[in-house]
Structure formats: C-alpha cells, structure tokens
Protein backbone atom coordinates (compact mmCIF):
# COMPACT_ATOMS: atom_id res chain seq x y z
CA UNK A 1 -40.74 127.78 95.69
CA UNK A 2 -42.84 130.55 96.40
CA UNK A 3 -43.55 131.04 100.09
CA UNK A 4 -46.87 132.36 99.64
CA UNK A 5 -47.68 128.55 98.82
CA UNK A 6 -47.31 128.12 102.81
CA UNK A 7 -48.65 131.21 104.04
CA UNK A 8 -51.34 130.96 106.88
CA UNK A 9 -52.95 134.39 106.11
CA UNK A 10 -53.34 137.31 108.84
CA UNK A 11 -57.28 136.68 109.21
CA UNK A 12 -56.62 133.15 110.40
CA UNK A 13 -53.71 134.02 112.67
CA UNK A 14 -54.19 134.80 116.46
CA UNK A 15 -52.09 137.77 117.21
CA UNK A 16 -51.94 140.65 119.71
CA UNK A 17 -51.40 144.39 119.42
CA UNK A 18 -48.83 146.18 121.37
CA UNK A 19 -51.48 147.98 123.29
CA UNK A 20 -53.21 144.55 124.34
CA UNK A 21 -53.07 143.98 128.27
CA UNK A 22 -51.29 140.88 129.54
CA UNK A 23 -54.62 139.44 130.55
CA UNK A 24 -55.82 139.68 126.94
CA UNK A 25 -52.39 138.06 125.70
CA UNK A 26 -52.71 135.21 128.08
CA UNK A 27 -56.41 134.80 127.43
CA UNK A 28 -55.71 134.80 123.67
CA UNK A 29 -52.62 132.22 124.02
CA UNK A 30 -54.72 130.02 126.45
CA UNK A 31 -57.66 129.82 124.01
CA UNK A 32 -55.82 129.03 120.93
CA UNK A 33 -53.26 126.91 123.04
CA UNK A 34 -50.21 128.80 121.70
CA UNK A 35 -47.05 129.17 123.25
CA UNK A 36 -46.12 132.24 121.11
CA UNK A 37 -47.86 134.74 119.05
CA UNK A 38 -47.30 137.70 116.70
CA UNK A 39 -47.44 141.24 118.01
CA UNK A 40 -48.68 143.82 115.76
CA UNK A 41 -48.12 147.76 115.91
CA UNK A 42 -51.45 149.88 115.60
CA UNK A 43 -50.78 150.34 111.69
CA UNK A 44 -50.41 146.31 111.23
CA UNK A 45 -46.76 146.33 111.01
CA UNK A 46 -45.16 143.03 112.58
CA UNK A 47 -43.64 144.25 115.98
CA UNK A 48 -42.25 140.73 117.52
CA UNK A 49 -43.44 137.82 119.00
CA UNK A 50 -44.46 137.31 122.34
CA UNK A 51 -43.79 133.83 124.31
CA UNK A 52 -45.42 132.36 127.52
CA UNK A 53 -41.85 132.60 129.02
CA UNK A 54 -41.55 136.27 128.33
CA UNK A 55 -44.85 136.92 130.21
CA UNK A 56 -43.96 134.82 133.07
CA UNK A 57 -40.38 136.26 133.34
CA UNK A 58 -42.17 139.56 133.27
CA UNK A 59 -44.38 138.67 136.10
CA UNK A 60 -41.65 137.04 138.30
CA UNK A 61 -39.38 140.01 137.95
CA UNK A 62 -42.08 142.39 139.04
CA UNK A 63 -41.62 141.00 142.41
CA UNK A 64 -45.47 140.56 143.14
CA UNK A 65 -46.49 143.63 141.46
CA UNK A 66 -47.91 142.05 138.46
CA UNK A 67 -50.19 138.90 139.07
CA UNK A 68 -52.77 136.99 137.17
CA UNK A 69 -55.55 139.08 138.96
CA UNK A 70 -53.96 142.40 138.07
CA UNK A 71 -52.67 141.52 134.60
CA UNK A 72 -55.45 143.56 132.74
CA UNK A 73 -53.60 146.70 134.36
CA UNK A 74 -50.32 146.09 132.47
CA UNK A 75 -49.62 146.82 128.74
CA UNK A 76 -47.84 144.22 126.44
CA UNK A 77 -45.40 146.95 125.14
CA UNK A 78 -43.87 146.86 128.48
CA UNK A 79 -42.94 143.42 128.43
CA UNK A 80 -39.01 142.70 127.54
CA UNK A 81 -39.05 140.00 124.53
CA UNK A 82 -36.19 137.54 125.27
CA UNK A 83 -36.13 136.34 121.69
CA UNK A 84 -36.13 138.36 118.73
CA UNK A 85 -38.13 136.44 116.25
CA UNK A 86 -37.41 137.87 112.74
CA UNK A 87 -39.83 137.90 109.92
CA UNK A 88 -39.25 137.18 106.11
CA UNK A 89 -40.72 139.21 103.06
CA UNK A 90 -43.24 137.59 101.06
CA UNK A 91 -40.57 137.51 98.31
CA UNK A 92 -38.06 135.70 100.37
CA UNK A 93 -36.65 132.38 99.20
CA UNK A 94 -37.02 128.96 100.80
CA UNK A 95 -33.55 128.98 102.14
CA UNK A 96 -34.42 132.06 104.40
CA UNK A 97 -37.64 130.36 105.70
CA UNK A 98 -35.89 127.17 106.52
CA UNK A 99 -32.98 129.07 108.22
CA UNK A 100 -35.45 131.07 110.48
CA UNK A 101 -37.67 128.18 111.27
CA UNK A 102 -34.67 126.23 112.72
CA UNK A 103 -35.07 128.66 115.73
CA UNK A 104 -38.68 129.70 115.66
CA UNK A 105 -42.02 127.86 115.94
CA UNK A 106 -43.36 129.91 112.93
CA UNK A 107 -41.77 132.66 110.83
CA UNK A 108 -44.08 135.84 110.33
CA UNK A 109 -44.35 137.17 106.89
CA UNK A 110 -44.52 140.81 105.75
CA UNK A 111 -45.20 142.77 102.51
CA UNK A 112 -42.79 145.39 101.25
CA UNK A 113 -44.01 147.97 103.84
CA UNK A 114 -43.45 145.80 106.84
CA UNK A 115 -46.96 145.14 107.23
CA UNK A 116 -47.82 141.43 108.58
CA UNK A 117 -49.67 139.32 106.36
CA UNK A 118 -49.34 136.00 108.08
CA UNK A 119 -47.09 133.04 109.38
CA UNK A 120 -45.62 130.03 107.93
CA UNK A 121 -45.54 127.34 110.56
CA UNK A 122 -42.62 125.23 111.20
CA UNK A 123 -44.64 122.17 110.71
CA UNK A 124 -45.45 122.98 107.14
CA UNK A 125 -41.86 123.74 106.31
CA UNK A 126 -40.52 120.39 107.80
CA UNK A 127 -43.35 118.68 105.73
CA UNK A 128 -41.80 120.21 102.62
CA UNK A 129 -38.39 119.41 103.56
CA UNK A 130 -39.59 115.77 104.07
CA UNK A 131 -41.18 115.54 100.53
CA UNK A 132 -37.92 117.01 99.10
CA UNK A 133 -35.79 114.30 101.23
CA UNK A 134 -38.13 111.51 100.06
CA UNK A 135 -38.10 112.55 96.38
CA UNK A 136 -34.18 112.64 96.55
CA UNK A 137 -34.06 108.99 98.22
CA UNK A 138 -36.39 107.69 95.52
CA UNK A 139 -34.39 109.02 92.76
CA UNK A 140 -31.00 107.63 94.35
CA UNK A 141 -32.65 103.97 94.25
C-alpha cells in the first residue's frame, strides 16, 4: 500500500524551525497538546523531532540559566535531541513505516530532496494493521 494514503500534509502539521526559540517551541507544543513535533531547516528539510523531554532536560542541565521566563532568548538549534527520529521517503513501503512507528509517535515523510512533506501518525498505522489482522482472522474462519 502507498504510504501517501496515510499522509497528513505539511500544511496540517504543527512544526518548528531550527531558528525557533524555546518559548515558541513550548507554546506551539502546548497549543496543539503535542509531546513531540518535527523540526524543519530554513529550506524546508526535515531536521529532527523535538520532544518535551528534550526541552526539560536542556533546561535542567542549564543549571538555572534557562527558565520559562527567559526561554525566548534560547534557540531550538542549541537543544540536544535525545532521540533520532528517522523520516521515510514518500516511496517507502509499509514495512519501513511500521518499523519506525514501533519507536516513534509519528513518522516524518520527505520527498526525494529530503524536503518535509508531512507525517504519518502511529494511530493510523495501527488502524491499518488492525484491519489487516481482522481480515486475516475472518479468512481463517
């Protein structure tokens, strides 16, 4: 099955850029109630995924230099990411998508020039697998 069928396009995805501040990132995550969002470079390439944990650990490890009050003075590109969430190409197969969804809340999708074009949510992949398993169960009866 073509993964484009599951794609939530870029214009419907909450994301930040590497030049976003910590405050902008926190506010975007809070507004959408997400625990992780994609990061894009200035030319639209997928640059990684930032999580609440990344931001909290960065603030903790700053030993008081970074606080919620001054978070607008610090850039996201300086925050170390603890996970390396990998994207898939738009022409990847379902097996690649499923393998990444086991360890990521969503799978970023890029075109052949590594430009971010959207995400596939884990819940959609689980729904697909559920239908597949249900069909197999019915056929075995």
